[in-house]
N, C-alpha and C. Protein backbone atom coordinates (compact mmCIF):
# COMPACT_ATOMS: atom_id res chain seq x y z
N UNK A 1 7.36 11.85 43.63
CA UNK A 1 6.52 11.56 42.32
C UNK A 1 5.94 10.36 42.51
N UNK A 2 4.49 10.08 41.97
CA UNK A 2 4.04 8.72 42.22
C UNK A 2 4.59 7.84 41.18
N UNK A 3 4.93 6.59 41.59
CA UNK A 3 5.50 5.64 40.64
C UNK A 3 4.71 5.56 39.15
N UNK A 4 3.54 5.84 38.95
CA UNK A 4 2.86 5.71 37.83
C UNK A 4 2.93 6.76 36.74
N UNK A 5 3.81 7.85 37.48
CA UNK A 5 3.88 9.09 36.57
C UNK A 5 5.59 8.89 36.34
N UNK A 6 6.37 8.11 36.67
CA UNK A 6 7.62 8.29 36.56
C UNK A 6 8.16 7.62 34.99
N UNK A 7 9.30 7.96 34.40
CA UNK A 7 9.56 7.58 33.06
C UNK A 7 11.24 7.44 33.07
N UNK A 8 11.50 6.44 32.64
CA UNK A 8 12.99 5.96 32.75
C UNK A 8 13.50 5.98 30.99
N UNK A 9 14.64 6.02 31.15
CA UNK A 9 15.79 5.58 29.89
C UNK A 9 16.34 4.29 30.43
N UNK A 10 16.17 3.10 29.79
CA UNK A 10 16.91 2.00 30.10
C UNK A 10 17.47 1.47 28.88
N UNK A 11 18.19 0.35 29.68
CA UNK A 11 19.26 -0.44 28.55
C UNK A 11 19.21 -2.04 29.13
N UNK A 12 19.30 -3.08 28.30
CA UNK A 12 19.11 -4.33 28.93
C UNK A 12 20.04 -5.02 27.62
N UNK A 13 20.19 -6.34 28.20
CA UNK A 13 20.61 -7.42 27.24
C UNK A 13 19.58 -8.18 26.93
N UNK A 14 18.85 -8.74 27.62
CA UNK A 14 17.76 -9.65 27.60
C UNK A 14 16.47 -9.54 28.38
N UNK A 15 15.49 -9.51 28.20
CA UNK A 15 14.26 -9.45 28.91
C UNK A 15 13.23 -10.52 28.75
N UNK A 16 12.23 -11.01 29.57
CA UNK A 16 11.58 -11.71 29.38
C UNK A 16 10.06 -10.45 29.03
N UNK A 17 9.48 -11.12 27.80
CA UNK A 17 8.42 -9.88 27.69
C UNK A 17 7.08 -10.60 27.92
N UNK A 18 6.17 -10.16 27.95
CA UNK A 18 4.79 -10.16 27.91
C UNK A 18 3.80 -9.56 26.89
N UNK A 19 3.88 -10.01 25.84
CA UNK A 19 3.29 -9.37 24.60
C UNK A 19 1.88 -9.63 24.25
N UNK A 20 1.20 -9.74 25.89
CA UNK A 20 -0.33 -10.18 25.58
C UNK A 20 -0.90 -9.22 24.61
N UNK A 21 -2.07 -9.81 24.40
CA UNK A 21 -2.86 -8.83 23.11
C UNK A 21 -3.99 -8.05 23.91
N UNK A 22 -3.97 -7.94 25.32
CA UNK A 22 -4.70 -7.03 26.20
C UNK A 22 -4.44 -5.47 25.57
N UNK A 23 -5.44 -4.75 25.76
CA UNK A 23 -5.11 -3.47 25.44
C UNK A 23 -4.71 -2.49 26.49
N UNK A 24 -3.79 -1.54 26.28
CA UNK A 24 -3.50 -0.59 27.25
C UNK A 24 -4.52 0.15 27.78
N UNK A 25 -4.27 0.70 29.07
CA UNK A 25 -5.32 1.59 29.59
C UNK A 25 -5.36 2.94 29.07
N UNK A 26 -6.28 3.89 29.09
CA UNK A 26 -6.13 5.33 28.41
C UNK A 26 -4.88 6.00 29.08
N UNK A 27 -4.42 5.95 30.40
CA UNK A 27 -3.23 6.78 30.86
C UNK A 27 -2.09 6.31 30.37
N UNK A 28 -1.78 4.99 30.16
CA UNK A 28 -0.78 4.15 29.31
C UNK A 28 -0.70 4.69 27.80
N UNK A 29 -1.72 4.72 27.24
CA UNK A 29 -1.97 4.90 25.92
C UNK A 29 -1.70 6.63 25.65
N UNK A 30 -1.94 7.19 26.35
CA UNK A 30 -1.77 8.79 26.46
C UNK A 30 0.01 8.98 26.33
N UNK A 31 0.26 8.36 27.58
CA UNK A 31 1.96 8.58 27.93
C UNK A 31 3.04 8.33 26.77
N UNK A 32 2.61 6.77 26.10
CA UNK A 32 2.90 6.45 24.91
C UNK A 32 2.98 7.51 23.94
N UNK A 33 1.58 8.04 23.78
CA UNK A 33 1.40 9.01 22.43
C UNK A 33 2.48 10.50 22.58
N UNK A 34 2.39 10.47 23.90
CA UNK A 34 3.17 11.93 24.32
C UNK A 34 4.64 11.63 24.05
N UNK A 35 5.04 10.63 24.82
CA UNK A 35 6.66 10.32 24.07
C UNK A 35 6.67 10.47 22.86
N UNK A 36 5.73 9.64 21.88
CA UNK A 36 5.94 9.71 20.53
C UNK A 36 6.09 10.97 19.64
N UNK A 37 5.28 11.95 20.17
CA UNK A 37 5.34 13.36 19.60
C UNK A 37 6.56 13.81 19.87
N UNK A 38 7.60 13.54 20.89
CA UNK A 38 9.22 14.24 21.00
C UNK A 38 9.88 13.77 20.16
N UNK A 39 10.13 14.63 19.18
CA UNK A 39 10.87 14.03 17.94
C UNK A 39 12.35 13.85 18.07
N UNK A 40 12.84 14.55 19.51
CA UNK A 40 14.32 14.05 20.01
C UNK A 40 14.60 12.78 20.59
N UNK A 41 13.59 12.14 21.02
CA UNK A 41 13.61 10.60 21.42
C UNK A 41 14.18 9.59 20.84
N UNK A 42 13.97 9.53 19.39
CA UNK A 42 14.43 8.66 18.72
C UNK A 42 15.93 8.67 18.72
N UNK A 43 16.28 10.16 18.49
CA UNK A 43 18.06 10.55 18.21
C UNK A 43 18.56 9.77 19.45
N UNK A 44 17.69 10.26 20.65
CA UNK A 44 18.63 10.28 22.09
C UNK A 44 18.83 8.14 22.07
N UNK A 45 17.87 7.81 21.81
CA UNK A 45 17.84 6.42 22.01
C UNK A 45 18.86 5.91 20.95
N UNK A 46 19.02 6.27 19.81
CA UNK A 46 19.90 5.82 18.99
C UNK A 46 21.35 6.33 19.42
N UNK A 47 21.81 7.51 20.04
CA UNK A 47 23.03 7.91 20.53
C UNK A 47 23.31 7.08 21.74
N UNK A 48 22.27 6.72 22.80
CA UNK A 48 22.45 5.72 23.76
C UNK A 48 23.21 4.56 23.45
N UNK A 49 22.57 3.90 22.28
CA UNK A 49 22.68 2.75 21.75
C UNK A 49 23.96 2.28 21.16
N UNK A 50 24.23 3.41 20.26
CA UNK A 50 25.62 3.72 19.92
C UNK A 50 26.69 4.06 20.72
N UNK A 51 26.81 4.88 21.52
CA UNK A 51 27.49 4.86 22.75
C UNK A 51 27.95 3.97 23.63
N UNK A 52 26.86 3.09 24.33
CA UNK A 52 27.11 2.07 25.11
C UNK A 52 27.28 0.79 24.26
N UNK A 53 27.08 0.81 22.87
CA UNK A 53 27.23 -0.80 22.16
C UNK A 53 26.33 -1.62 22.41
N UNK A 54 25.21 -0.99 23.22
CA UNK A 54 23.78 -2.00 23.44
C UNK A 54 23.00 -1.57 22.19
N UNK A 55 22.36 -3.02 21.68
CA UNK A 55 21.70 -2.80 20.60
C UNK A 55 20.20 -2.61 20.91
N UNK A 56 20.00 -2.38 22.35
CA UNK A 56 18.60 -2.12 22.53
C UNK A 56 18.65 -0.88 23.60
N UNK A 57 17.88 0.21 23.37
CA UNK A 57 17.52 1.11 24.49
C UNK A 57 15.97 1.61 24.26
N UNK A 58 15.44 1.99 25.51
CA UNK A 58 14.20 2.54 25.33
C UNK A 58 13.69 3.72 26.51
N UNK A 59 12.43 3.95 26.15
CA UNK A 59 11.85 4.84 27.48
C UNK A 59 10.79 3.84 27.67
N UNK A 60 10.75 3.91 29.11
CA UNK A 60 9.75 3.24 29.60
C UNK A 60 8.68 3.98 30.42
N UNK A 61 7.26 3.51 30.64
CA UNK A 61 6.67 4.13 31.42
C UNK A 61 6.19 2.99 32.84
N UNK A 62 6.89 3.40 34.09
CA UNK A 62 6.96 2.63 35.05
C UNK A 62 5.77 2.31 35.93
N UNK A 63 5.18 1.41 36.54
CA UNK A 63 4.32 1.86 37.61
C UNK A 63 4.55 0.61 38.51
N UNK A 64 4.09 0.68 39.46
CA UNK A 64 4.36 -0.39 40.73
C UNK A 64 4.56 -2.06 40.41
N UNK A 65 3.95 -2.43 39.22
CA UNK A 65 3.60 -3.65 38.95
C UNK A 65 4.58 -4.31 37.51
N UNK A 66 4.44 -3.03 36.97
CA UNK A 66 5.02 -3.20 35.49
C UNK A 66 5.68 -2.12 34.71
N UNK A 67 5.96 -1.99 33.21
CA UNK A 67 6.78 -1.20 32.73
C UNK A 67 5.98 -1.29 31.13
N UNK A 68 5.95 -0.13 30.48
CA UNK A 68 5.31 -0.50 29.33
C UNK A 68 6.23 0.57 28.50
N UNK A 69 7.00 -0.01 27.19
CA UNK A 69 7.75 0.54 26.43
C UNK A 69 6.98 1.77 25.44
N UNK A 70 7.56 3.03 25.88
CA UNK A 70 7.18 4.11 25.30
C UNK A 70 7.69 4.51 23.73
N UNK A 71 8.73 4.28 23.97
CA UNK A 71 10.09 4.39 22.75
C UNK A 71 10.87 3.51 22.43
N UNK A 72 11.01 2.81 21.28
CA UNK A 72 12.08 1.76 21.35
C UNK A 72 13.05 1.70 20.33
N UNK A 73 14.33 1.22 20.62
CA UNK A 73 15.21 1.07 19.41
C UNK A 73 15.53 -0.47 19.76
N UNK A 74 15.33 -1.20 18.90
CA UNK A 74 15.80 -2.79 19.15
C UNK A 74 16.26 -3.29 18.11
N UNK A 75 17.76 -3.09 17.97
CA UNK A 75 18.47 -3.84 16.74
C UNK A 75 18.84 -4.72 17.27
N UNK A 76 18.59 -5.38 18.29
CA UNK A 76 18.98 -6.60 18.63
C UNK A 76 17.91 -7.93 18.22
N UNK A 77 16.51 -7.12 17.79
CA UNK A 77 15.53 -8.06 17.17
C UNK A 77 14.98 -8.96 18.42
N UNK A 78 14.92 -8.41 19.54
CA UNK A 78 13.83 -8.95 20.78
C UNK A 78 12.43 -9.19 20.78
N UNK A 79 12.23 -8.37 19.60
CA UNK A 79 10.75 -8.19 19.24
C UNK A 79 9.96 -7.03 20.16
N UNK A 80 10.81 -6.09 20.87
CA UNK A 80 10.16 -5.05 21.83
C UNK A 80 9.71 -4.08 20.68
N UNK A 81 8.46 -3.52 21.02
CA UNK A 81 8.07 -2.38 20.32
C UNK A 81 7.34 -1.74 21.04
N UNK A 82 6.85 -0.44 20.64
CA UNK A 82 6.24 0.59 21.46
C UNK A 82 4.84 -0.20 22.00
N UNK A 83 4.64 -0.08 23.15
CA UNK A 83 3.42 -0.60 23.97
C UNK A 83 3.88 -1.96 24.59
N UNK A 84 5.01 -2.67 24.23
CA UNK A 84 5.62 -3.81 25.05
C UNK A 84 5.40 -3.70 26.53
N UNK A 85 4.98 -4.61 27.17
CA UNK A 85 4.76 -4.60 28.73
C UNK A 85 5.58 -5.51 29.34
N UNK A 86 6.35 -5.39 30.55
CA UNK A 86 7.04 -6.24 30.95
C UNK A 86 6.55 -6.10 32.75
N UNK A 87 6.27 -7.36 33.20
CA UNK A 87 5.85 -7.64 34.63
C UNK A 87 7.24 -7.22 35.51
N UNK A 88 7.06 -6.43 36.08
CA UNK A 88 8.32 -6.28 36.87
C UNK A 88 8.58 -7.09 37.79
N UNK A 89 7.53 -8.15 38.34
CA UNK A 89 8.05 -9.08 39.29
C UNK A 89 9.15 -10.23 38.86
N UNK A 90 8.95 -10.14 37.29
CA UNK A 90 10.03 -11.06 36.39
C UNK A 90 11.38 -10.24 36.63
N UNK A 91 11.67 -9.19 36.77
CA UNK A 91 13.09 -8.36 37.07
C UNK A 91 13.44 -8.38 38.06
N UNK A 92 12.85 -8.98 39.35
CA UNK A 92 13.50 -8.84 40.45
C UNK A 92 13.92 -10.09 41.12
């Protein structure tokens, strides 16, 4: 499976965010929209957050150099939103 088609469920404490105003490309927008149409996603993320006692959980779209949040529970008020992007080089 190509890296650009992978989805993951992740949890974290603090991440550096790149909340630039650049527009997502069409493929990313389609994937974010597809995840948002799955009603169970928000309940799954809430369950993950509750059971792990983490205040942030998300579904993200991974590429070779970045990830984009497709669904977010951000009870820690990090400012994460659907469409937030993180440069993977900042995580390794």
